[in-house]
Amino acid sequence: MLSLRPLIALLFLPALSLAQDLDRSLLHICDDGDEWPPYTYYLRYNHQPTADLTGYSVDVIRRILDKHHIPFQIDLLPWKRCLSSIDSGEQYLMALSASKNPEREKQFLFSTPYYQTHYYVFYSKAKYPDGVNVAGQTDLGRYRLGGIKGYAYSALTAVNKDAMVRTVDYPTLGKMLLADRFDLFAEDYEVMVGLDKLGSAHIISDPNIGRMPLPGMPGNAFHMIFTRKNPRGAQLQQLVDEELQQMQSSGQLDKLLNQYVPR
């Protein structure tokens, strides 16, 4: 009878080769300086941000990199600067949360999706006391839309994103809405809740701001992204994808997410 040992060895060869060839130098990771709770944000002490980062995405990458003994540092930067640095592949080689669009897919390598957010529409109750007439994203074109500079809004495929009134951060977005600089904005509900809990923005708790789920929208998938310009980017993509698959199969991803987004 032929031995199965050579076949088994071949099956495990790619994983073994990756583990042996891993670059274990300090890995620099960047993410959005405005924070992205409950996925990436600064721990608070007495309601004041500390220098320590936490969140679902931070927990996921920490488990992956610690398992493979790869030291890392995460810095929160202005989002455009973070993306530009990853694109160059010189210092920062990956980010923890990004949605896909055709332009980004040319620039970066993407992991498999590892969480989803859900779009809500936010509006001024003073201007629209009976709510807004939005039955789907195509209806958004009838309103002046607000948004954050540098964000892709890739799931809003029926929206003219070039016409958006862009602002620098979420607190300013809420203020501009109430100042009638635009009519409404569509953002990730989970992130708005997270920002509210941290006290960074008060869009959810502001009694003057109404909200509703954006009908007909699937979950907005988020990925880790990696540089194409540095060979380490492809190695990290392979490693992260293998680990995410294992964490998904074992239920570990769901357990981690439930700590931050209870169901």
C-alpha atoms as a PDB file:
ATOM      1  CA  MET A   1       0.000   0.000   0.000  1.00  0.00           C
ATOM      2  CA  LEU A   2       1.293   3.434  -0.899  1.00  0.00           C
ATOM      3  CA  SER A   3       2.081   5.680   2.043  1.00  0.00           C
ATOM      4  CA  LEU A   4      -0.052   8.805   2.479  1.00  0.00           C
ATOM      5  CA  ARG A   5       2.720  10.643   4.296  1.00  0.00           C
ATOM      6  CA  PRO A   6       4.218  12.339   1.212  1.00  0.00           C
ATOM      7  CA  LEU A   7       0.759  13.548   0.148  1.00  0.00           C
ATOM      8  CA  ILE A   8      -0.008  14.907   3.613  1.00  0.00           C
ATOM      9  CA  ALA A   9       3.353  16.644   3.668  1.00  0.00           C
ATOM     10  CA  LEU A  10       2.594  18.305   0.353  1.00  0.00           C
ATOM     11  CA  LEU A  11      -0.798  19.502   1.574  1.00  0.00           C
ATOM     12  CA  PHE A  12       0.779  21.269   4.534  1.00  0.00           C
ATOM     13  CA  LEU A  13       3.803  22.563   2.615  1.00  0.00           C
ATOM     14  CA  PRO A  14       2.399  26.041   1.720  1.00  0.00           C
ATOM     15  CA  ALA A  15       1.412  26.795   5.315  1.00  0.00           C
ATOM     16  CA  LEU A  16       4.709  25.521   6.673  1.00  0.00           C
ATOM     17  CA  SER A  17       6.657  27.513   4.089  1.00  0.00           C
ATOM     18  CA  LEU A  18       4.774  30.709   4.938  1.00  0.00           C
ATOM     19  CA  ALA A  19       5.385  30.244   8.669  1.00  0.00           C
ATOM     20  CA  GLN A  20       9.097  29.650   8.120  1.00  0.00           C
ATOM     21  CA  ASP A  21       9.569  32.570   5.726  1.00  0.00           C
ATOM     22  CA  LEU A  22       7.609  35.208   7.656  1.00  0.00           C
ATOM     23  CA  ASP A  23       9.203  38.610   8.035  1.00  0.00           C
ATOM     24  CA  ARG A  24       9.121  39.136  11.804  1.00  0.00           C
ATOM     25  CA  SER A  25      10.465  42.676  11.900  1.00  0.00           C
ATOM     26  CA  LEU A  26       8.346  45.420  13.465  1.00  0.00           C
ATOM     27  CA  LEU A  27       5.180  45.888  11.414  1.00  0.00           C
ATOM     28  CA  HIS A  28       3.766  49.406  11.156  1.00  0.00           C
ATOM     29  CA  ILE A  29      -0.028  49.551  10.777  1.00  0.00           C
ATOM     30  CA  CYS A  30      -2.092  52.714  10.373  1.00  0.00           C
ATOM     31  CA  ASP A  31      -5.789  53.451  10.621  1.00  0.00           C
ATOM     32  CA  ASP A  32      -8.184  56.395  10.665  1.00  0.00           C
ATOM     33  CA  GLY A  33      -7.219  59.195  13.061  1.00  0.00           C
ATOM     34  CA  ASP A  34     -10.880  59.987  13.704  1.00  0.00           C
ATOM     35  CA  GLU A  35     -11.219  56.545  15.340  1.00  0.00           C
ATOM     36  CA  TRP A  36     -13.622  53.863  14.151  1.00  0.00           C
ATOM     37  CA  PRO A  37     -15.400  52.509  17.225  1.00  0.00           C
ATOM     38  CA  PRO A  38     -16.227  49.833  18.105  1.00  0.00           C
ATOM     39  CA  TYR A  39     -13.546  48.493  15.735  1.00  0.00           C
ATOM     40  CA  THR A  40     -10.514  50.718  16.411  1.00  0.00           C
ATOM     41  CA  TYR A  41     -10.450  53.402  19.083  1.00  0.00           C
ATOM     42  CA  TYR A  42      -8.513  54.752  22.064  1.00  0.00           C
ATOM     43  CA  LEU A  43      -9.300  53.389  25.492  1.00  0.00           C
ATOM     44  CA  ARG A  44     -10.906  55.981  27.766  1.00  0.00           C
ATOM     45  CA  TYR A  45     -10.041  56.710  31.383  1.00  0.00           C
ATOM     46  CA  ASN A  46     -12.413  59.099  33.162  1.00  0.00           C
ATOM     47  CA  HIS A  47     -13.881  59.836  29.723  1.00  0.00           C
ATOM     48  CA  GLN A  48     -10.479  60.954  28.393  1.00  0.00           C
ATOM     49  CA  PRO A  49      -8.664  59.078  25.604  1.00  0.00           C
ATOM     50  CA  THR A  50      -5.452  57.308  26.548  1.00  0.00           C
ATOM     51  CA  ALA A  51      -2.643  56.261  24.202  1.00  0.00           C
ATOM     52  CA  ASP A  52      -3.833  52.639  24.202  1.00  0.00           C
ATOM     53  CA  LEU A  53      -5.863  51.303  21.297  1.00  0.00           C
ATOM     54  CA  THR A  54      -8.634  48.745  21.572  1.00  0.00           C
ATOM     55  CA  GLY A  55     -11.600  47.456  19.579  1.00  0.00           C
ATOM     56  CA  TYR A  56     -12.655  44.440  17.563  1.00  0.00           C
ATOM     57  CA  SER A  57     -10.183  45.019  14.708  1.00  0.00           C
ATOM     58  CA  VAL A  58      -7.325  45.587  17.144  1.00  0.00           C
ATOM     59  CA  ASP A  59      -8.158  42.338  18.955  1.00  0.00           C
ATOM     60  CA  VAL A  60      -8.297  40.389  15.683  1.00  0.00           C
ATOM     61  CA  ILE A  61      -4.944  41.571  14.330  1.00  0.00           C
ATOM     62  CA  ARG A  62      -3.303  41.205  17.750  1.00  0.00           C
ATOM     63  CA  ARG A  63      -4.302  37.537  17.938  1.00  0.00           C
ATOM     64  CA  ILE A  64      -3.011  36.893  14.423  1.00  0.00           C
ATOM     65  CA  LEU A  65       0.327  38.662  14.804  1.00  0.00           C
ATOM     66  CA  ASP A  66       0.995  37.501  18.372  1.00  0.00           C
ATOM     67  CA  LYS A  67       0.392  33.911  17.258  1.00  0.00           C
ATOM     68  CA  HIS A  68       3.169  34.301  14.677  1.00  0.00           C
ATOM     69  CA  HIS A  69       5.453  36.361  16.936  1.00  0.00           C
ATOM     70  CA  ILE A  70       5.320  39.468  14.736  1.00  0.00           C
ATOM     71  CA  PRO A  71       5.767  42.722  16.685  1.00  0.00           C
ATOM     72  CA  PHE A  72       3.541  45.563  15.513  1.00  0.00           C
ATOM     73  CA  GLN A  73       2.599  49.153  16.136  1.00  0.00           C
ATOM     74  CA  ILE A  74      -0.731  50.767  15.216  1.00  0.00           C
ATOM     75  CA  ASP A  75      -0.894  54.520  14.634  1.00  0.00           C
ATOM     76  CA  LEU A  76      -4.057  56.493  13.939  1.00  0.00           C
ATOM     77  CA  LEU A  77      -3.377  59.033  11.189  1.00  0.00           C
ATOM     78  CA  PRO A  78      -5.413  61.289   8.935  1.00  0.00           C
ATOM     79  CA  TRP A  79      -7.090  58.741   6.652  1.00  0.00           C
ATOM     80  CA  LYS A  80      -5.703  60.100   3.371  1.00  0.00           C
ATOM     81  CA  ARG A  81      -2.180  60.093   4.813  1.00  0.00           C
ATOM     82  CA  CYS A  82      -2.627  56.516   6.019  1.00  0.00           C
ATOM     83  CA  LEU A  83      -3.745  55.328   2.568  1.00  0.00           C
ATOM     84  CA  SER A  84      -0.970  57.248   0.831  1.00  0.00           C
ATOM     85  CA  SER A  85       1.668  55.691   3.078  1.00  0.00           C
ATOM     86  CA  ILE A  86       0.369  52.164   2.477  1.00  0.00           C
ATOM     87  CA  ASP A  87       0.284  52.853  -1.245  1.00  0.00           C
ATOM     88  CA  SER A  88       3.969  53.817  -1.193  1.00  0.00           C
ATOM     89  CA  GLY A  89       4.869  50.735   0.876  1.00  0.00           C
ATOM     90  CA  GLU A  90       7.651  52.533   2.698  1.00  0.00           C
ATOM     91  CA  GLN A  91       6.561  52.763   6.345  1.00  0.00           C
ATOM     92  CA  TYR A  92       2.978  51.652   6.924  1.00  0.00           C
ATOM     93  CA  LEU A  93       2.169  48.386   5.187  1.00  0.00           C
ATOM     94  CA  MET A  94      -1.459  47.781   6.156  1.00  0.00           C
ATOM     95  CA  ALA A  95      -4.660  49.242   7.620  1.00  0.00           C
ATOM     96  CA  LEU A  96      -7.336  47.482   9.635  1.00  0.00           C
ATOM     97  CA  SER A  97     -10.589  48.705   8.083  1.00  0.00           C
ATOM     98  CA  ALA A  98     -11.367  49.677   4.512  1.00  0.00           C
ATOM     99  CA  SER A  99     -14.226  49.109   2.107  1.00  0.00           C
ATOM    100  CA  LYS A 100     -13.652  48.159  -1.517  1.00  0.00           C
ATOM    101  CA  ASN A 101     -13.986  50.261  -4.623  1.00  0.00           C
ATOM    102  CA  PRO A 102     -12.349  49.831  -8.062  1.00  0.00           C
ATOM    103  CA  GLU A 103      -9.724  52.513  -7.452  1.00  0.00           C
ATOM    104  CA  ARG A 104      -8.648  51.021  -4.129  1.00  0.00           C
ATOM    105  CA  GLU A 105      -8.482  47.525  -5.593  1.00  0.00           C
ATOM    106  CA  LYS A 106      -5.869  48.810  -8.044  1.00  0.00           C
ATOM    107  CA  GLN A 107      -3.867  50.363  -5.201  1.00  0.00           C
ATOM    108  CA  PHE A 108      -4.092  47.773  -2.431  1.00  0.00           C
ATOM    109  CA  LEU A 109      -4.394  44.096  -1.619  1.00  0.00           C
ATOM    110  CA  PHE A 110      -7.510  43.179   0.363  1.00  0.00           C
ATOM    111  CA  SER A 111      -8.162  40.539   2.985  1.00  0.00           C
ATOM    112  CA  THR A 112     -11.396  38.598   3.000  1.00  0.00           C
ATOM    113  CA  PRO A 113     -14.163  40.632   4.713  1.00  0.00           C
ATOM    114  CA  TYR A 114     -14.262  40.123   8.478  1.00  0.00           C
ATOM    115  CA  TYR A 115     -17.115  42.366   9.613  1.00  0.00           C
ATOM    116  CA  GLN A 116     -20.038  44.366   8.244  1.00  0.00           C
ATOM    117  CA  THR A 117     -21.670  47.642   9.093  1.00  0.00           C
ATOM    118  CA  HIS A 118     -25.116  48.907   8.121  1.00  0.00           C
ATOM    119  CA  TYR A 119     -26.064  52.215   6.556  1.00  0.00           C
ATOM    120  CA  TYR A 120     -28.528  54.558   8.248  1.00  0.00           C
ATOM    121  CA  VAL A 121     -29.767  57.896   6.978  1.00  0.00           C
ATOM    122  CA  PHE A 122     -29.440  60.852   9.372  1.00  0.00           C
ATOM    123  CA  TYR A 123     -31.433  64.080   9.008  1.00  0.00           C
ATOM    124  CA  SER A 124     -32.484  67.229  10.867  1.00  0.00           C
ATOM    125  CA  LYS A 125     -35.805  66.816  12.660  1.00  0.00           C
ATOM    126  CA  ALA A 126     -36.366  70.577  12.468  1.00  0.00           C
ATOM    127  CA  LYS A 127     -36.152  70.467   8.679  1.00  0.00           C
ATOM    128  CA  TYR A 128     -37.879  67.109   8.242  1.00  0.00           C
ATOM    129  CA  PRO A 129     -40.227  66.660  11.214  1.00  0.00           C
ATOM    130  CA  ASP A 130     -42.018  63.802   9.444  1.00  0.00           C
ATOM    131  CA  GLY A 131     -38.799  62.111   8.351  1.00  0.00           C
ATOM    132  CA  VAL A 132     -37.278  61.857   4.890  1.00  0.00           C
ATOM    133  CA  ASN A 133     -38.820  60.096   1.904  1.00  0.00           C
ATOM    134  CA  VAL A 134     -36.102  57.540   1.183  1.00  0.00           C
ATOM    135  CA  ALA A 135     -37.109  54.098  -0.063  1.00  0.00           C
ATOM    136  CA  GLY A 136     -33.619  53.197  -1.303  1.00  0.00           C
ATOM    137  CA  GLN A 137     -30.277  54.756  -2.137  1.00  0.00           C
ATOM    138  CA  THR A 138     -31.504  56.071  -5.499  1.00  0.00           C
ATOM    139  CA  ASP A 139     -33.727  58.463  -3.548  1.00  0.00           C
ATOM    140  CA  LEU A 140     -30.659  60.013  -1.904  1.00  0.00           C
ATOM    141  CA  GLY A 141     -29.985  61.875  -5.145  1.00  0.00           C
ATOM    142  CA  ARG A 142     -32.964  64.116  -4.418  1.00  0.00           C
ATOM    143  CA  TYR A 143     -31.190  65.520  -1.367  1.00  0.00           C
ATOM    144  CA  ARG A 144     -27.950  67.381  -0.693  1.00  0.00           C
ATOM    145  CA  LEU A 145     -25.657  64.793   0.861  1.00  0.00           C
ATOM    146  CA  GLY A 146     -22.921  65.230   3.414  1.00  0.00           C
ATOM    147  CA  GLY A 147     -19.903  62.986   4.016  1.00  0.00           C
ATOM    148  CA  ILE A 148     -16.382  62.682   5.412  1.00  0.00           C
ATOM    149  CA  LYS A 149     -13.333  63.669   3.361  1.00  0.00           C
ATOM    150  CA  GLY A 150     -11.397  60.687   2.039  1.00  0.00           C
ATOM    151  CA  TYR A 151     -14.142  58.104   2.669  1.00  0.00           C
ATOM    152  CA  ALA A 152     -15.069  55.895  -0.278  1.00  0.00           C
ATOM    153  CA  TYR A 153     -18.772  55.243   0.410  1.00  0.00           C
ATOM    154  CA  SER A 154     -18.297  52.371  -2.015  1.00  0.00           C
ATOM    155  CA  ALA A 155     -21.620  50.729  -1.145  1.00  0.00           C
ATOM    156  CA  LEU A 156     -23.503  53.845  -2.262  1.00  0.00           C
ATOM    157  CA  THR A 157     -23.274  52.928  -5.939  1.00  0.00           C
ATOM    158  CA  ALA A 158     -26.271  55.050  -7.012  1.00  0.00           C
ATOM    159  CA  VAL A 159     -24.965  58.242  -5.383  1.00  0.00           C
ATOM    160  CA  ASN A 160     -22.961  61.022  -7.015  1.00  0.00           C
ATOM    161  CA  LYS A 161     -20.188  61.095  -4.452  1.00  0.00           C
ATOM    162  CA  ASP A 162     -18.443  64.012  -6.199  1.00  0.00           C
ATOM    163  CA  ALA A 163     -21.410  66.198  -5.254  1.00  0.00           C
ATOM    164  CA  MET A 164     -21.175  65.383  -1.541  1.00  0.00           C
ATOM    165  CA  VAL A 165     -20.461  68.231   0.872  1.00  0.00           C
ATOM    166  CA  ARG A 166     -17.408  66.810   2.626  1.00  0.00           C
ATOM    167  CA  THR A 167     -16.236  67.651   6.125  1.00  0.00           C
ATOM    168  CA  VAL A 168     -13.274  66.703   8.271  1.00  0.00           C
ATOM    169  CA  ASP A 169     -14.844  64.535  10.973  1.00  0.00           C
ATOM    170  CA  TYR A 170     -18.071  63.181  12.466  1.00  0.00           C
ATOM    171  CA  PRO A 171     -18.705  65.925  15.062  1.00  0.00           C
ATOM    172  CA  THR A 172     -18.473  68.532  12.283  1.00  0.00           C
ATOM    173  CA  LEU A 173     -20.743  66.404  10.094  1.00  0.00           C
ATOM    174  CA  GLY A 174     -23.485  66.574  12.718  1.00  0.00           C
ATOM    175  CA  LYS A 175     -23.041  70.317  13.214  1.00  0.00           C
ATOM    176  CA  MET A 176     -23.171  71.013   9.471  1.00  0.00           C
ATOM    177  CA  LEU A 177     -26.335  68.941   9.154  1.00  0.00           C
ATOM    178  CA  LEU A 178     -28.087  71.015  11.800  1.00  0.00           C
ATOM    179  CA  ALA A 179     -26.744  74.217  10.211  1.00  0.00           C
ATOM    180  CA  ASP A 180     -28.461  73.191   6.947  1.00  0.00           C
ATOM    181  CA  ARG A 181     -25.219  72.932   4.983  1.00  0.00           C
ATOM    182  CA  PHE A 182     -26.723  69.771   3.491  1.00  0.00           C
ATOM    183  CA  ASP A 183     -29.954  67.790   3.892  1.00  0.00           C
ATOM    184  CA  LEU A 184     -28.838  64.415   5.186  1.00  0.00           C
ATOM    185  CA  PHE A 185     -25.992  61.944   5.355  1.00  0.00           C
ATOM    186  CA  ALA A 186     -25.692  58.155   5.258  1.00  0.00           C
ATOM    187  CA  GLU A 187     -23.231  56.533   7.652  1.00  0.00           C
ATOM    188  CA  ASP A 188     -22.520  53.271   9.417  1.00  0.00           C
ATOM    189  CA  TYR A 189     -24.899  52.926  12.357  1.00  0.00           C
ATOM    190  CA  GLU A 190     -22.525  50.791  14.437  1.00  0.00           C
ATOM    191  CA  VAL A 191     -19.798  53.424  14.209  1.00  0.00           C
ATOM    192  CA  MET A 192     -22.184  56.246  15.128  1.00  0.00           C
ATOM    193  CA  VAL A 193     -23.248  54.283  18.221  1.00  0.00           C
ATOM    194  CA  GLY A 194     -19.604  53.665  19.120  1.00  0.00           C
ATOM    195  CA  LEU A 195     -18.672  57.341  18.760  1.00  0.00           C
ATOM    196  CA  ASP A 196     -21.629  58.327  20.910  1.00  0.00           C
ATOM    197  CA  LYS A 197     -20.637  55.926  23.682  1.00  0.00           C
ATOM    198  CA  LEU A 198     -17.116  57.346  23.661  1.00  0.00           C
ATOM    199  CA  GLY A 199     -18.396  60.907  23.746  1.00  0.00           C
ATOM    200  CA  SER A 200     -16.486  61.733  20.544  1.00  0.00           C
ATOM    201  CA  ALA A 201     -19.640  62.636  18.620  1.00  0.00           C
ATOM    202  CA  HIS A 202     -23.237  62.958  19.731  1.00  0.00           C
ATOM    203  CA  ILE A 203     -25.141  62.174  16.572  1.00  0.00           C
ATOM    204  CA  ILE A 204     -27.114  59.221  17.987  1.00  0.00           C
ATOM    205  CA  SER A 205     -28.008  60.972  21.251  1.00  0.00           C
ATOM    206  CA  ASP A 206     -28.774  64.383  19.726  1.00  0.00           C
ATOM    207  CA  PRO A 207     -32.573  64.811  19.966  1.00  0.00           C
ATOM    208  CA  ASN A 208     -32.465  67.137  16.952  1.00  0.00           C
ATOM    209  CA  ILE A 209     -31.108  64.447  14.613  1.00  0.00           C
ATOM    210  CA  GLY A 210     -33.429  61.768  13.259  1.00  0.00           C
ATOM    211  CA  ARG A 211     -32.347  58.484  11.715  1.00  0.00           C
ATOM    212  CA  MET A 212     -33.672  55.513   9.761  1.00  0.00           C
ATOM    213  CA  PRO A 213     -32.140  52.398   8.172  1.00  0.00           C
ATOM    214  CA  LEU A 214     -31.323  52.917   4.498  1.00  0.00           C
ATOM    215  CA  PRO A 215     -33.745  50.481   2.813  1.00  0.00           C
ATOM    216  CA  GLY A 216     -32.500  47.828   0.431  1.00  0.00           C
ATOM    217  CA  MET A 217     -28.874  48.027   1.546  1.00  0.00           C
ATOM    218  CA  PRO A 218     -26.890  44.893   2.377  1.00  0.00           C
ATOM    219  CA  GLY A 219     -24.206  44.967   5.037  1.00  0.00           C
ATOM    220  CA  ASN A 220     -21.182  47.104   4.183  1.00  0.00           C
ATOM    221  CA  ALA A 221     -18.195  44.720   4.137  1.00  0.00           C
ATOM    222  CA  PHE A 222     -14.862  45.800   5.624  1.00  0.00           C
ATOM    223  CA  HIS A 223     -11.420  44.353   4.982  1.00  0.00           C
ATOM    224  CA  MET A 224      -7.846  44.786   6.060  1.00  0.00           C
ATOM    225  CA  ILE A 225      -5.740  46.267   3.262  1.00  0.00           C
ATOM    226  CA  PHE A 226      -2.067  45.772   2.397  1.00  0.00           C
ATOM    227  CA  THR A 227       0.522  47.493   0.253  1.00  0.00           C
ATOM    228  CA  ARG A 228       1.208  46.273  -3.278  1.00  0.00           C
ATOM    229  CA  LYS A 229       4.557  48.104  -3.442  1.00  0.00           C
ATOM    230  CA  ASN A 230       6.356  46.073  -0.777  1.00  0.00           C
ATOM    231  CA  PRO A 231       6.664  42.249  -1.026  1.00  0.00           C
ATOM    232  CA  ARG A 232       5.705  41.973   2.634  1.00  0.00           C
ATOM    233  CA  GLY A 233       2.202  43.144   1.742  1.00  0.00           C
ATOM    234  CA  ALA A 234       1.360  39.962  -0.191  1.00  0.00           C
ATOM    235  CA  GLN A 235       2.845  37.828   2.592  1.00  0.00           C
ATOM    236  CA  LEU A 236       0.698  39.595   5.180  1.00  0.00           C
ATOM    237  CA  GLN A 237      -2.401  39.225   3.034  1.00  0.00           C
ATOM    238  CA  GLN A 238      -1.862  35.460   2.779  1.00  0.00           C
ATOM    239  CA  LEU A 239      -1.206  35.130   6.499  1.00  0.00           C
ATOM    240  CA  VAL A 240      -4.229  37.209   7.530  1.00  0.00           C
ATOM    241  CA  ASP A 241      -6.569  35.396   5.138  1.00  0.00           C
ATOM    242  CA  GLU A 242      -5.500  31.987   6.441  1.00  0.00           C
ATOM    243  CA  GLU A 243      -5.972  33.078  10.041  1.00  0.00           C
ATOM    244  CA  LEU A 244      -9.311  34.812   9.407  1.00  0.00           C
ATOM    245  CA  GLN A 245     -10.632  31.636   7.800  1.00  0.00           C
ATOM    246  CA  GLN A 246      -9.621  29.602  10.851  1.00  0.00           C
ATOM    247  CA  MET A 247     -11.061  32.176  13.255  1.00  0.00           C
ATOM    248  CA  GLN A 248     -14.323  32.243  11.326  1.00  0.00           C
ATOM    249  CA  SER A 249     -14.617  28.452  11.268  1.00  0.00           C
ATOM    250  CA  SER A 250     -13.908  28.169  14.990  1.00  0.00           C
ATOM    251  CA  GLY A 251     -16.391  30.891  15.929  1.00  0.00           C
ATOM    252  CA  GLN A 252     -13.643  33.079  17.400  1.00  0.00           C
ATOM    253  CA  LEU A 253     -14.476  36.051  15.165  1.00  0.00           C
ATOM    254  CA  ASP A 254     -18.093  36.025  16.314  1.00  0.00           C
ATOM    255  CA  LYS A 255     -17.049  35.825  19.959  1.00  0.00           C
ATOM    256  CA  LEU A 256     -14.719  38.795  19.589  1.00  0.00           C
ATOM    257  CA  LEU A 257     -17.309  40.840  17.721  1.00  0.00           C
ATOM    258  CA  ASN A 258     -20.015  40.114  20.310  1.00  0.00           C
ATOM    259  CA  GLN A 259     -17.840  41.772  22.965  1.00  0.00           C
ATOM    260  CA  TYR A 260     -18.120  45.080  21.087  1.00  0.00           C
ATOM    261  CA  VAL A 261     -21.376  44.753  19.118  1.00  0.00           C
ATOM    262  CA  PRO A 262     -23.779  42.692  21.273  1.00  0.00           C
ATOM    263  CA  ARG A 263     -26.552  40.974  19.321  1.00  0.00           C
END
